[in-house]
Amino acid sequence: MMTVHLIRTELRLLAREPLTLIVSLAFPILLLMLLAASFGTGSDADLGGLSGADFYAPVYLSATIAVMGLMGVPTHVAGYRERGVLRRFRAAGVTSRGLVLSQIALTVTLALVGAVLMVGLGRAVFDLRFPMSWIGTLVSFLVGAVAFAAFGMLLGVLLSTARAAQGLGLALFFGLFFVSGGGPPPALLPDALNTFAGYTPMGWVINAVSDPWHGASWNPGALALLATMAVLSILLATRRLTRT
């Protein structure tokens, strides 16, 4: 019940100051619209014979996860720490585990809202093809969202200020996303760069979501890595909060 109460409280706070939420949801959607418009609706050899919208849709669904996990959550939680809110939570009897799980649940919910908006707009504007495997795409999206939300929570409790969290989040997101398929198609990038991207959490979530979307089998390797990332981040974030 405490976790549900925390989620409701966070939603009310977001409603009062919605700018961060709007930016987090709108940024990947706008990028998808721009790239899809640039490539047009015809197939492209550099995109594996897909249209721009069909190729980039699962990539930018992954961006919805990453932008919240790497920028939104760490900045929000570090701001709480900076203002002493985390201490007040503890004084009110909120457990470290409850706080971590509530932030993850809230982030996953918001990521799902962003995903629905993106797919709906893509379908309406660019006749986006729906996933070949709805179940595989949804499971991969949820695992990725939990992993990045948990990692963002870990960053937030480790960094002392919101400004530091925001700076690191921006560097991680833009440094990894545009070499992992979010910018130029992988077919146009050097093999070494594609190999590097495949070893990053950004590469894991993009591969995990893209494979079932395009009709390939699930990517158990990427899912296992994301699940491991989620578990470790939850444990470390909870331990850090308990000791703070």
C-alpha atoms as a PDB file:
ATOM      1  CA  MET A   1       0.000   0.000   0.000  1.00  0.00           C
ATOM      2  CA  MET A   2       2.853   2.379   0.747  1.00  0.00           C
ATOM      3  CA  THR A   3       4.221   1.873  -2.782  1.00  0.00           C
ATOM      4  CA  VAL A   4       0.817   2.662  -4.312  1.00  0.00           C
ATOM      5  CA  HIS A   5       0.559   5.788  -2.156  1.00  0.00           C
ATOM      6  CA  LEU A   6       4.009   6.927  -3.275  1.00  0.00           C
ATOM      7  CA  ILE A   7       3.074   6.446  -6.942  1.00  0.00           C
ATOM      8  CA  ARG A   8      -0.057   8.545  -6.482  1.00  0.00           C
ATOM      9  CA  THR A   9       1.944  11.253  -4.741  1.00  0.00           C
ATOM     10  CA  GLU A  10       4.526  11.322  -7.542  1.00  0.00           C
ATOM     11  CA  LEU A  11       1.778  11.583 -10.161  1.00  0.00           C
ATOM     12  CA  ARG A  12       0.293  14.578  -8.369  1.00  0.00           C
ATOM     13  CA  LEU A  13       3.704  16.245  -8.233  1.00  0.00           C
ATOM     14  CA  LEU A  14       4.228  15.614 -11.952  1.00  0.00           C
ATOM     15  CA  ALA A  15       0.836  17.140 -12.706  1.00  0.00           C
ATOM     16  CA  ARG A  16       1.922  20.322 -10.927  1.00  0.00           C
ATOM     17  CA  GLU A  17       5.256  20.512 -12.765  1.00  0.00           C
ATOM     18  CA  PRO A  18       4.722  18.627 -16.033  1.00  0.00           C
ATOM     19  CA  LEU A  19       7.621  20.089 -18.041  1.00  0.00           C
ATOM     20  CA  THR A  20      10.022  17.217 -17.331  1.00  0.00           C
ATOM     21  CA  LEU A  21       7.348  14.672 -18.184  1.00  0.00           C
ATOM     22  CA  ILE A  22       6.395  16.445 -21.411  1.00  0.00           C
ATOM     23  CA  VAL A  23      10.013  16.675 -22.567  1.00  0.00           C
ATOM     24  CA  SER A  24      10.688  13.022 -21.712  1.00  0.00           C
ATOM     25  CA  LEU A  25       7.657  11.837 -23.670  1.00  0.00           C
ATOM     26  CA  ALA A  26       7.881  14.287 -26.560  1.00  0.00           C
ATOM     27  CA  PHE A  27      11.591  14.056 -27.371  1.00  0.00           C
ATOM     28  CA  PRO A  28      11.659  10.498 -28.809  1.00  0.00           C
ATOM     29  CA  ILE A  29       8.324  11.054 -30.595  1.00  0.00           C
ATOM     30  CA  LEU A  30       9.571  14.210 -32.303  1.00  0.00           C
ATOM     31  CA  LEU A  31      12.790  12.508 -33.377  1.00  0.00           C
ATOM     32  CA  LEU A  32      10.847   9.588 -34.845  1.00  0.00           C
ATOM     33  CA  MET A  33       8.592  11.955 -36.771  1.00  0.00           C
ATOM     34  CA  LEU A  34      11.580  13.883 -38.144  1.00  0.00           C
ATOM     35  CA  LEU A  35      13.547  10.803 -39.192  1.00  0.00           C
ATOM     36  CA  ALA A  36      10.522   9.060 -40.664  1.00  0.00           C
ATOM     37  CA  ALA A  37       9.691  12.176 -42.666  1.00  0.00           C
ATOM     38  CA  SER A  38      13.293  12.416 -43.881  1.00  0.00           C
ATOM     39  CA  PHE A  39      13.401   8.820 -45.139  1.00  0.00           C
ATOM     40  CA  GLY A  40       9.851   8.859 -46.491  1.00  0.00           C
ATOM     41  CA  THR A  41       7.457   5.936 -46.652  1.00  0.00           C
ATOM     42  CA  GLY A  42       9.328   3.923 -49.274  1.00  0.00           C
ATOM     43  CA  SER A  43      11.699   1.075 -48.482  1.00  0.00           C
ATOM     44  CA  ASP A  44      15.390   1.833 -48.089  1.00  0.00           C
ATOM     45  CA  ALA A  45      18.260  -0.620 -48.590  1.00  0.00           C
ATOM     46  CA  ASP A  46      20.239   1.004 -45.762  1.00  0.00           C
ATOM     47  CA  LEU A  47      17.312   0.294 -43.451  1.00  0.00           C
ATOM     48  CA  GLY A  48      17.090  -3.390 -44.303  1.00  0.00           C
ATOM     49  CA  GLY A  49      14.394  -2.811 -46.921  1.00  0.00           C
ATOM     50  CA  LEU A  50      12.093  -1.078 -44.436  1.00  0.00           C
ATOM     51  CA  SER A  51      10.639   2.413 -44.450  1.00  0.00           C
ATOM     52  CA  GLY A  52      12.062   5.003 -42.104  1.00  0.00           C
ATOM     53  CA  ALA A  53       9.082   4.779 -39.751  1.00  0.00           C
ATOM     54  CA  ASP A  54       9.135   0.968 -39.617  1.00  0.00           C
ATOM     55  CA  PHE A  55      12.876   0.805 -38.996  1.00  0.00           C
ATOM     56  CA  TYR A  56      13.082   3.547 -36.374  1.00  0.00           C
ATOM     57  CA  ALA A  57       9.855   2.809 -34.462  1.00  0.00           C
ATOM     58  CA  PRO A  58      11.318   0.133 -32.133  1.00  0.00           C
ATOM     59  CA  VAL A  59      14.533   2.146 -31.848  1.00  0.00           C
ATOM     60  CA  TYR A  60      12.681   5.192 -30.610  1.00  0.00           C
ATOM     61  CA  LEU A  61      10.460   3.132 -28.372  1.00  0.00           C
ATOM     62  CA  SER A  62      13.731   2.170 -26.734  1.00  0.00           C
ATOM     63  CA  ALA A  63      14.614   5.874 -26.596  1.00  0.00           C
ATOM     64  CA  THR A  64      11.488   6.507 -24.542  1.00  0.00           C
ATOM     65  CA  ILE A  65      12.853   4.038 -22.005  1.00  0.00           C
ATOM     66  CA  ALA A  66      16.394   5.401 -22.108  1.00  0.00           C
ATOM     67  CA  VAL A  67      15.587   9.103 -21.866  1.00  0.00           C
ATOM     68  CA  MET A  68      13.544   8.510 -18.717  1.00  0.00           C
ATOM     69  CA  GLY A  69      16.010   6.067 -17.199  1.00  0.00           C
ATOM     70  CA  LEU A  70      19.156   8.049 -17.915  1.00  0.00           C
ATOM     71  CA  MET A  71      17.873  11.605 -17.577  1.00  0.00           C
ATOM     72  CA  GLY A  72      14.449  11.809 -15.946  1.00  0.00           C
ATOM     73  CA  VAL A  73      14.816   9.427 -12.997  1.00  0.00           C
ATOM     74  CA  PRO A  74      18.390  10.351 -11.923  1.00  0.00           C
ATOM     75  CA  THR A  75      17.676  14.082 -12.034  1.00  0.00           C
ATOM     76  CA  HIS A  76      14.421  13.655 -10.125  1.00  0.00           C
ATOM     77  CA  VAL A  77      15.882  11.419  -7.400  1.00  0.00           C
ATOM     78  CA  ALA A  78      19.108  13.415  -7.043  1.00  0.00           C
ATOM     79  CA  GLY A  79      16.961  16.514  -6.632  1.00  0.00           C
ATOM     80  CA  TYR A  80      15.117  14.750  -3.827  1.00  0.00           C
ATOM     81  CA  ARG A  81      18.421  13.919  -2.173  1.00  0.00           C
ATOM     82  CA  GLU A  82      19.722  17.467  -2.607  1.00  0.00           C
ATOM     83  CA  ARG A  83      16.609  18.993  -1.007  1.00  0.00           C
ATOM     84  CA  GLY A  84      16.472  16.484   1.851  1.00  0.00           C
ATOM     85  CA  VAL A  85      13.286  14.810   0.603  1.00  0.00           C
ATOM     86  CA  LEU A  86      14.805  11.332   0.919  1.00  0.00           C
ATOM     87  CA  ARG A  87      15.468  11.951   4.617  1.00  0.00           C
ATOM     88  CA  ARG A  88      11.867  13.051   5.090  1.00  0.00           C
ATOM     89  CA  PHE A  89      10.667   9.898   3.359  1.00  0.00           C
ATOM     90  CA  ARG A  90      12.679   7.821   5.806  1.00  0.00           C
ATOM     91  CA  ALA A  91      11.335   9.809   8.777  1.00  0.00           C
ATOM     92  CA  ALA A  92       7.810   9.131   7.496  1.00  0.00           C
ATOM     93  CA  GLY A  93       8.483   5.385   7.527  1.00  0.00           C
ATOM     94  CA  VAL A  94       8.969   4.897   3.790  1.00  0.00           C
ATOM     95  CA  THR A  95      11.277   1.944   3.214  1.00  0.00           C
ATOM     96  CA  SER A  96      14.176   2.094   0.786  1.00  0.00           C
ATOM     97  CA  ARG A  97      12.736  -0.826  -1.141  1.00  0.00           C
ATOM     98  CA  GLY A  98       9.318   0.830  -1.367  1.00  0.00           C
ATOM     99  CA  LEU A  99      10.830   4.055  -2.680  1.00  0.00           C
ATOM    100  CA  VAL A 100      12.888   2.248  -5.323  1.00  0.00           C
ATOM    101  CA  LEU A 101       9.974   0.102  -6.497  1.00  0.00           C
ATOM    102  CA  SER A 102       7.560   3.041  -6.627  1.00  0.00           C
ATOM    103  CA  GLN A 103       9.917   5.063  -8.823  1.00  0.00           C
ATOM    104  CA  ILE A 104      10.410   2.085 -11.130  1.00  0.00           C
ATOM    105  CA  ALA A 105       6.669   1.436 -11.378  1.00  0.00           C
ATOM    106  CA  LEU A 106       5.969   5.090 -12.140  1.00  0.00           C
ATOM    107  CA  THR A 107       8.680   5.253 -14.806  1.00  0.00           C
ATOM    108  CA  VAL A 108       7.505   2.062 -16.513  1.00  0.00           C
ATOM    109  CA  THR A 109       3.936   3.382 -16.574  1.00  0.00           C
ATOM    110  CA  LEU A 110       5.001   6.673 -18.135  1.00  0.00           C
ATOM    111  CA  ALA A 111       7.165   4.845 -20.672  1.00  0.00           C
ATOM    112  CA  LEU A 112       4.143   2.769 -21.698  1.00  0.00           C
ATOM    113  CA  VAL A 113       2.106   5.952 -22.167  1.00  0.00           C
ATOM    114  CA  GLY A 114       4.871   7.367 -24.371  1.00  0.00           C
ATOM    115  CA  ALA A 115       5.021   4.133 -26.365  1.00  0.00           C
ATOM    116  CA  VAL A 116       1.278   4.147 -27.036  1.00  0.00           C
ATOM    117  CA  LEU A 117       1.420   7.774 -28.193  1.00  0.00           C
ATOM    118  CA  MET A 118       4.383   7.069 -30.460  1.00  0.00           C
ATOM    119  CA  VAL A 119       2.885   3.990 -32.111  1.00  0.00           C
ATOM    120  CA  GLY A 120      -0.462   5.733 -32.534  1.00  0.00           C
ATOM    121  CA  LEU A 121       1.071   8.795 -34.184  1.00  0.00           C
ATOM    122  CA  GLY A 122       3.330   6.659 -36.344  1.00  0.00           C
ATOM    123  CA  ARG A 123       0.378   4.638 -37.538  1.00  0.00           C
ATOM    124  CA  ALA A 124      -1.727   7.713 -38.258  1.00  0.00           C
ATOM    125  CA  VAL A 125       0.949   9.774 -40.005  1.00  0.00           C
ATOM    126  CA  PHE A 126       3.272   7.228 -41.651  1.00  0.00           C
ATOM    127  CA  ASP A 127       1.115   4.087 -41.816  1.00  0.00           C
ATOM    128  CA  LEU A 128       3.507   2.428 -39.384  1.00  0.00           C
ATOM    129  CA  ARG A 129       3.374  -1.365 -39.412  1.00  0.00           C
ATOM    130  CA  PHE A 130       2.483  -2.888 -36.084  1.00  0.00           C
ATOM    131  CA  PRO A 131       4.884  -5.356 -34.409  1.00  0.00           C
ATOM    132  CA  MET A 132       5.089  -8.838 -35.880  1.00  0.00           C
ATOM    133  CA  SER A 133       5.103 -10.178 -32.325  1.00  0.00           C
ATOM    134  CA  TRP A 134       3.075  -8.074 -29.895  1.00  0.00           C
ATOM    135  CA  ILE A 135       3.909 -10.278 -26.930  1.00  0.00           C
ATOM    136  CA  GLY A 136       7.631 -10.365 -27.642  1.00  0.00           C
ATOM    137  CA  THR A 137       7.773  -6.610 -28.163  1.00  0.00           C
ATOM    138  CA  LEU A 138       5.766  -5.860 -25.023  1.00  0.00           C
ATOM    139  CA  VAL A 139       7.795  -8.189 -22.803  1.00  0.00           C
ATOM    140  CA  SER A 140      11.077  -6.805 -24.154  1.00  0.00           C
ATOM    141  CA  PHE A 141       9.845  -3.243 -23.691  1.00  0.00           C
ATOM    142  CA  LEU A 142       8.813  -3.898 -20.085  1.00  0.00           C
ATOM    143  CA  VAL A 143      12.078  -5.645 -19.188  1.00  0.00           C
ATOM    144  CA  GLY A 144      14.043  -2.787 -20.736  1.00  0.00           C
ATOM    145  CA  ALA A 145      11.925  -0.167 -18.965  1.00  0.00           C
ATOM    146  CA  VAL A 146      12.456  -1.822 -15.569  1.00  0.00           C
ATOM    147  CA  ALA A 147      16.201  -2.134 -16.202  1.00  0.00           C
ATOM    148  CA  PHE A 148      16.686   1.509 -17.181  1.00  0.00           C
ATOM    149  CA  ALA A 149      14.387   2.818 -14.451  1.00  0.00           C
ATOM    150  CA  ALA A 150      16.326   0.822 -11.872  1.00  0.00           C
ATOM    151  CA  PHE A 151      19.656   2.018 -13.249  1.00  0.00           C
ATOM    152  CA  GLY A 152      18.375   5.585 -13.225  1.00  0.00           C
ATOM    153  CA  MET A 153      17.368   5.136  -9.600  1.00  0.00           C
ATOM    154  CA  LEU A 154      20.886   3.931  -8.811  1.00  0.00           C
ATOM    155  CA  LEU A 155      22.433   6.962 -10.502  1.00  0.00           C
ATOM    156  CA  GLY A 156      20.062   9.255  -8.642  1.00  0.00           C
ATOM    157  CA  VAL A 157      21.007   7.965  -5.196  1.00  0.00           C
ATOM    158  CA  LEU A 158      24.732   7.999  -6.010  1.00  0.00           C
ATOM    159  CA  LEU A 159      24.934  11.547  -7.385  1.00  0.00           C
ATOM    160  CA  SER A 160      24.741  14.425  -4.940  1.00  0.00           C
ATOM    161  CA  THR A 161      22.960  17.065  -7.034  1.00  0.00           C
ATOM    162  CA  ALA A 162      20.311  17.237  -9.720  1.00  0.00           C
ATOM    163  CA  ARG A 163      22.678  19.199 -11.949  1.00  0.00           C
ATOM    164  CA  ALA A 164      25.296  16.439 -11.776  1.00  0.00           C
ATOM    165  CA  ALA A 165      22.676  13.795 -12.551  1.00  0.00           C
ATOM    166  CA  GLN A 166      21.358  15.788 -15.482  1.00  0.00           C
ATOM    167  CA  GLY A 167      24.841  16.289 -16.925  1.00  0.00           C
ATOM    168  CA  LEU A 168      25.788  12.631 -16.629  1.00  0.00           C
ATOM    169  CA  GLY A 169      22.427  11.509 -17.996  1.00  0.00           C
ATOM    170  CA  LEU A 170      22.746  13.729 -21.053  1.00  0.00           C
ATOM    171  CA  ALA A 171      26.258  12.474 -21.725  1.00  0.00           C
ATOM    172  CA  LEU A 172      25.241   8.824 -21.394  1.00  0.00           C
ATOM    173  CA  PHE A 173      22.107   9.148 -23.493  1.00  0.00           C
ATOM    174  CA  PHE A 174      23.493  11.105 -26.422  1.00  0.00           C
ATOM    175  CA  GLY A 175      26.844   9.355 -26.261  1.00  0.00           C
ATOM    176  CA  LEU A 176      25.275   5.923 -26.659  1.00  0.00           C
ATOM    177  CA  PHE A 177      21.955   6.368 -28.407  1.00  0.00           C
ATOM    178  CA  PHE A 178      23.105   7.820 -31.702  1.00  0.00           C
ATOM    179  CA  VAL A 179      25.733   5.103 -32.188  1.00  0.00           C
ATOM    180  CA  SER A 180      23.267   2.348 -31.288  1.00  0.00           C
ATOM    181  CA  GLY A 181      20.844   2.907 -34.133  1.00  0.00           C
ATOM    182  CA  GLY A 182      19.190   6.160 -33.101  1.00  0.00           C
ATOM    183  CA  GLY A 183      21.059   8.246 -35.670  1.00  0.00           C
ATOM    184  CA  PRO A 184      22.609   6.917 -38.867  1.00  0.00           C
ATOM    185  CA  PRO A 185      21.491   3.374 -39.719  1.00  0.00           C
ATOM    186  CA  PRO A 186      23.916   0.705 -38.471  1.00  0.00           C
ATOM    187  CA  ALA A 187      24.594  -0.246 -42.106  1.00  0.00           C
ATOM    188  CA  LEU A 188      26.315   3.124 -42.547  1.00  0.00           C
ATOM    189  CA  LEU A 189      28.417   2.919 -39.383  1.00  0.00           C
ATOM    190  CA  PRO A 190      31.813   1.217 -39.007  1.00  0.00           C
ATOM    191  CA  ASP A 191      31.712  -2.399 -37.873  1.00  0.00           C
ATOM    192  CA  ALA A 192      33.755  -1.569 -34.795  1.00  0.00           C
ATOM    193  CA  LEU A 193      31.179   0.995 -33.700  1.00  0.00           C
ATOM    194  CA  ASN A 194      28.316  -1.436 -34.217  1.00  0.00           C
ATOM    195  CA  THR A 195      30.178  -4.051 -32.201  1.00  0.00           C
ATOM    196  CA  PHE A 196      30.743  -1.555 -29.384  1.00  0.00           C
ATOM    197  CA  ALA A 197      27.067  -0.552 -29.385  1.00  0.00           C
ATOM    198  CA  GLY A 198      26.064  -4.194 -28.991  1.00  0.00           C
ATOM    199  CA  TYR A 199      27.904  -4.342 -25.666  1.00  0.00           C
ATOM    200  CA  THR A 200      26.071  -1.349 -24.166  1.00  0.00           C
ATOM    201  CA  PRO A 201      22.735  -1.289 -22.306  1.00  0.00           C
ATOM    202  CA  MET A 202      21.399   0.933 -25.094  1.00  0.00           C
ATOM    203  CA  GLY A 203      22.292  -1.709 -27.639  1.00  0.00           C
ATOM    204  CA  TRP A 204      20.707  -4.418 -25.487  1.00  0.00           C
ATOM    205  CA  VAL A 205      17.342  -2.692 -25.221  1.00  0.00           C
ATOM    206  CA  ILE A 206      17.240  -1.709 -28.895  1.00  0.00           C
ATOM    207  CA  ASN A 207      18.046  -5.263 -29.977  1.00  0.00           C
ATOM    208  CA  ALA A 208      15.567  -6.735 -27.495  1.00  0.00           C
ATOM    209  CA  VAL A 209      12.696  -4.548 -28.732  1.00  0.00           C
ATOM    210  CA  SER A 210      13.595  -4.522 -32.439  1.00  0.00           C
ATOM    211  CA  ASP A 211      13.940  -8.279 -32.967  1.00  0.00           C
ATOM    212  CA  PRO A 212      10.348  -9.294 -32.113  1.00  0.00           C
ATOM    213  CA  TRP A 213       9.011  -6.090 -33.666  1.00  0.00           C
ATOM    214  CA  HIS A 214      10.462  -7.045 -37.051  1.00  0.00           C
ATOM    215  CA  GLY A 215       9.454 -10.686 -36.798  1.00  0.00           C
ATOM    216  CA  ALA A 216      12.672 -12.264 -35.610  1.00  0.00           C
ATOM    217  CA  SER A 217      12.700 -14.506 -32.563  1.00  0.00           C
ATOM    218  CA  TRP A 218      13.046 -13.054 -29.098  1.00  0.00           C
ATOM    219  CA  ASN A 219      16.542 -11.998 -28.114  1.00  0.00           C
ATOM    220  CA  PRO A 220      17.197 -14.032 -24.941  1.00  0.00           C
ATOM    221  CA  GLY A 221      20.765 -12.751 -24.602  1.00  0.00           C
ATOM    222  CA  ALA A 222      19.707  -9.099 -24.536  1.00  0.00           C
ATOM    223  CA  LEU A 223      16.785  -9.863 -22.222  1.00  0.00           C
ATOM    224  CA  ALA A 224      19.058 -11.724 -19.801  1.00  0.00           C
ATOM    225  CA  LEU A 225      21.502  -8.815 -19.713  1.00  0.00           C
ATOM    226  CA  LEU A 226      18.703  -6.309 -19.118  1.00  0.00           C
ATOM    227  CA  ALA A 227      17.217  -8.470 -16.361  1.00  0.00           C
ATOM    228  CA  THR A 228      20.633  -8.720 -14.691  1.00  0.00           C
ATOM    229  CA  MET A 229      21.039  -4.955 -14.975  1.00  0.00           C
ATOM    230  CA  ALA A 230      17.629  -4.476 -13.346  1.00  0.00           C
ATOM    231  CA  VAL A 231      18.271  -6.808 -10.414  1.00  0.00           C
ATOM    232  CA  LEU A 232      21.737  -5.432  -9.664  1.00  0.00           C
ATOM    233  CA  SER A 233      20.560  -1.818  -9.907  1.00  0.00           C
ATOM    234  CA  ILE A 234      17.603  -2.443  -7.590  1.00  0.00           C
ATOM    235  CA  LEU A 235      19.793  -4.161  -5.013  1.00  0.00           C
ATOM    236  CA  LEU A 236      22.510  -1.505  -5.116  1.00  0.00           C
ATOM    237  CA  ALA A 237      20.069   1.422  -5.080  1.00  0.00           C
ATOM    238  CA  THR A 238      18.171  -0.056  -2.133  1.00  0.00           C
ATOM    239  CA  ARG A 239      21.403  -0.687  -0.239  1.00  0.00           C
ATOM    240  CA  ARG A 240      22.636   2.837  -0.913  1.00  0.00           C
ATOM    241  CA  LEU A 241      19.358   4.375   0.276  1.00  0.00           C
ATOM    242  CA  THR A 242      19.418   2.254   3.413  1.00  0.00           C
ATOM    243  CA  ARG A 243      22.916   3.458   4.293  1.00  0.00           C
ATOM    244  CA  THR A 244      22.383   7.098   3.379  1.00  0.00           C
END
